[in-house]
Protein backbone atom coordinates (compact mmCIF):
# COMPACT_ATOMS: atom_id res chain seq x y z
CA MET A 1 1.04 15.35 82.34
CA LEU A 2 4.12 16.31 84.10
CA SER A 3 6.02 17.95 81.30
CA TYR A 4 2.74 19.91 80.30
CA THR A 5 2.32 21.03 83.87
CA VAL A 6 6.08 22.23 83.99
CA ALA A 7 5.36 24.10 80.72
CA ALA A 8 2.14 25.74 82.12
CA ILE A 9 3.31 26.76 85.22
CA THR A 10 6.91 27.82 84.48
CA ASP A 11 6.41 29.14 80.88
CA ARG A 12 8.95 26.59 79.61
CA ASN A 13 8.70 24.46 76.57
CA ALA A 14 6.11 21.56 76.85
CA GLU A 15 8.48 19.16 75.24
CA PRO A 16 10.99 17.56 77.69
CA PRO A 17 14.39 16.73 76.48
CA ARG A 18 14.41 13.22 74.86
CA ALA A 19 16.26 10.51 76.80
CA SER A 20 18.27 7.89 75.03
CA THR A 21 18.84 5.69 78.11
CA TRP A 22 16.71 4.65 81.23
CA GLU A 23 19.01 6.71 83.32
CA ASP A 24 18.64 9.73 81.14
CA ALA A 25 14.78 9.22 81.18
CA LEU A 26 14.83 9.13 84.97
CA GLY A 27 16.97 12.18 85.21
CA CYS A 28 14.63 14.04 82.90
CA TRP A 29 11.57 12.93 84.83
CA ASP A 30 13.28 14.01 88.08
CA GLY A 31 14.17 17.55 86.63
CA GLN A 32 10.64 17.94 85.66
CA ARG A 33 9.47 16.93 89.04
CA MET A 34 11.77 19.26 90.77
CA ALA A 35 10.54 22.21 88.52
CA VAL A 36 6.92 21.58 89.54
CA ARG A 37 7.79 21.23 92.99
CA GLU A 38 9.60 24.68 93.01
CA ALA A 39 6.67 26.45 91.06
CA LEU A 40 4.27 25.12 93.58
CA ARG A 41 6.28 26.42 96.41
CA ARG A 42 5.21 30.00 95.45
CA PRO A 43 2.44 31.57 97.41
CA ALA A 44 -1.02 30.02 96.89
CA ASP A 45 -2.39 33.23 95.24
CA THR A 46 0.40 33.47 92.66
CA PRO A 47 -1.20 33.46 89.17
CA LEU A 48 -0.09 30.69 86.78
CA ARG A 49 -1.01 29.75 83.12
CA SER A 50 -3.43 27.19 82.59
CA PRO A 51 -5.27 25.43 79.61
CA PHE A 52 -8.51 25.39 81.44
CA PRO A 53 -10.79 28.52 81.25
CA HIS A 54 -11.44 29.29 84.79
CA GLY A 55 -13.49 32.46 85.06
CA GLY A 56 -10.70 34.10 86.81
CA PRO A 57 -6.98 33.66 87.29
CA VAL A 58 -5.54 30.25 87.80
CA THR A 59 -3.30 30.02 90.77
CA VAL A 60 -0.73 27.83 92.42
CA GLU A 61 -3.45 26.68 94.72
CA ASP A 62 -5.66 25.61 91.62
CA TRP A 63 -2.82 23.75 90.15
CA THR A 64 -1.93 21.98 93.39
CA ARG A 65 -5.43 20.90 93.86
CA ARG A 66 -5.62 19.66 90.37
CA LEU A 67 -2.31 17.76 90.58
CA ALA A 68 -3.24 16.23 93.90
CA HIS A 69 -6.44 14.48 92.44
CA GLU A 70 -4.66 13.69 89.25
CA PHE A 71 -1.92 11.74 91.03
CA ALA A 72 -4.36 10.14 93.52
CA ILE A 73 -6.33 8.69 90.57
CA HIS A 74 -3.15 7.43 89.00
CA ARG A 75 -2.04 6.10 92.11
CA LEU A 76 -5.14 3.82 92.27
CA ASP A 77 -4.34 2.74 88.73
CA ALA A 78 -0.76 1.88 89.57
CA GLU A 79 -1.93 -0.06 92.71
CA SER A 80 -4.47 -1.93 90.64
CA ALA A 81 -1.69 -3.44 88.56
CA LEU A 82 -0.01 -5.01 91.58
CA LEU A 83 -0.65 -8.78 92.20
CA THR A 84 -2.02 -8.09 95.80
CA PRO A 85 -3.08 -4.32 95.61
CA PRO A 86 -3.09 -2.45 98.98
CA VAL A 87 -6.45 -1.22 100.37
CA THR A 88 -6.17 2.55 99.70
CA ARG A 89 -9.01 4.77 100.96
CA TYR A 90 -8.87 8.46 100.67
CA ARG A 91 -10.09 10.81 103.51
CA THR A 92 -13.60 12.13 103.22
CA GLU A 93 -12.38 15.78 102.97
CA PHE A 94 -9.97 14.93 100.22
CA ALA A 95 -12.43 12.74 98.20
CA GLU A 96 -15.08 15.54 98.47
CA ASP A 97 -12.72 18.00 97.18
CA GLY A 98 -11.96 15.75 94.46
CA ILE A 99 -15.71 15.30 93.76
CA ASP A 100 -16.17 19.05 93.63
CA GLU A 101 -13.00 19.48 91.37
CA PHE A 102 -14.58 16.86 89.06
CA LEU A 103 -18.22 18.16 88.94
CA ALA A 104 -17.63 22.09 89.40
CA PHE A 105 -14.47 22.65 87.51
CA LEU A 106 -13.58 19.78 85.10
CA THR A 107 -17.01 18.65 83.79
CA PRO A 108 -18.37 22.08 82.62
CA ARG A 109 -15.06 22.75 80.91
CA ARG A 110 -14.32 19.49 79.18
CA ALA A 111 -17.80 18.00 78.62
CA LYS A 112 -19.53 18.70 75.38
CA PRO A 113 -23.33 18.97 74.80
CA SER A 114 -24.41 15.21 75.18
CA GLY A 115 -27.95 15.26 73.68
CA ARG A 116 -29.05 14.01 77.01
CA GLU A 117 -31.50 15.65 79.41
CA GLY A 118 -31.66 14.72 83.10
CA ILE A 119 -30.64 15.57 86.62
CA VAL A 120 -27.90 13.54 88.33
CA GLN A 121 -27.57 13.84 92.19
CA VAL A 122 -24.11 13.06 93.68
CA SER A 123 -24.23 12.57 97.37
CA THR A 124 -21.78 11.48 100.15
CA ASP A 125 -22.42 11.26 103.79
CA THR A 126 -21.84 15.07 104.28
CA ARG A 127 -22.36 16.72 100.88
CA THR A 128 -24.51 16.78 97.91
CA TRP A 129 -24.02 18.11 94.33
CA THR A 130 -26.85 18.18 91.59
CA VAL A 131 -25.76 18.15 87.98
CA LEU A 132 -28.09 19.31 85.38
CA LEU A 133 -27.80 17.69 81.86
CA ARG A 134 -29.17 19.60 78.99
CA ALA A 135 -29.07 18.30 75.46
CA ASP A 136 -27.66 21.48 73.95
CA GLN A 137 -25.24 22.58 76.87
CA PRO A 138 -22.22 21.14 78.80
CA PRO A 139 -23.29 19.78 82.35
CA THR A 140 -23.63 22.33 84.96
CA LEU A 141 -24.32 22.37 88.70
CA GLY A 142 -27.78 23.39 89.74
CA GLU A 143 -30.80 22.09 91.47
CA GLY A 144 -33.77 19.73 90.72
CA VAL A 145 -35.22 16.38 91.38
CA PRO A 146 -32.81 13.69 90.30
CA ASP A 147 -33.33 11.12 87.48
CA LEU A 148 -30.22 9.43 89.11
CA THR A 149 -28.59 9.34 92.33
CA LEU A 150 -24.87 8.28 92.71
CA ALA A 151 -24.40 7.88 96.63
CA GLY A 152 -22.01 6.43 99.22
CA PRO A 153 -18.90 7.12 101.28
CA ALA A 154 -16.92 9.94 99.56
CA ASP A 155 -13.98 7.75 98.77
CA ASP A 156 -16.50 5.54 96.55
CA VAL A 157 -18.17 8.26 94.97
CA TYR A 158 -14.70 9.85 94.05
CA ARG A 159 -13.62 6.60 92.52
CA ALA A 160 -17.05 6.16 90.62
CA LEU A 161 -16.80 9.56 88.95
CA TRP A 162 -13.40 8.76 87.64
CA GLY A 163 -14.46 5.21 86.44
CA ARG A 164 -12.48 3.47 89.13
CA PRO A 165 -13.59 0.19 91.05
CA ASN A 166 -16.16 1.38 93.77
CA HIS A 167 -19.03 0.52 95.92
CA ALA A 168 -21.08 3.56 95.29
CA GLY A 169 -24.64 3.04 94.82
CA LYS A 170 -26.78 4.07 91.92
CA VAL A 171 -30.57 4.38 91.89
CA GLY A 172 -32.23 5.65 88.67
CA ASP A 173 -31.14 5.79 85.15
CA ALA A 174 -27.41 5.00 85.30
CA THR A 175 -26.86 5.90 81.60
CA LEU A 176 -27.01 9.64 82.73
CA LEU A 177 -23.61 9.08 84.00
CA GLU A 178 -22.21 8.77 80.56
CA PRO A 179 -21.99 12.42 79.70
CA LEU A 180 -20.00 12.86 82.91
CA ALA A 181 -17.55 10.16 82.10
CA ALA A 182 -13.86 10.88 83.01
CA PRO A 183 -11.45 11.34 80.22
């Protein structure tokens, strides 16, 4: 992800230099990390290239948001590999932003028509999203009476959407989450 991000936001080649030793690999990674850091220091409204159709220009702010959630989910993955994982909980505002990113941005752009029909309501303590599943269209946000409700604290709902261990509750046809499954 890091090499691709560097290529997308700096107009560089997506293939990083090949490393032959661990020290070389660490140096290459650190160089890529620094390139992303420098690119993301630009003003928030600076346009950047992106593989995601967005309906408008993709900016430094968009990429910063995307990377924050990408790294947050991978942090959970890395911590889960520890013998005694720490208890990591994301703030409500951050988790809700991640839910919004997942449902409003990623899902409509990457999901294919699923052949499923239904309405999924995703709720935290302070926000609600309603996802419409239509057999011949990618999922979209809309309104309607839910066939499935996924609800709980924002951190748990965030984790549930990304397929990570969580305590979010499900009421209704849980198979309707399949078309929304994270990559």
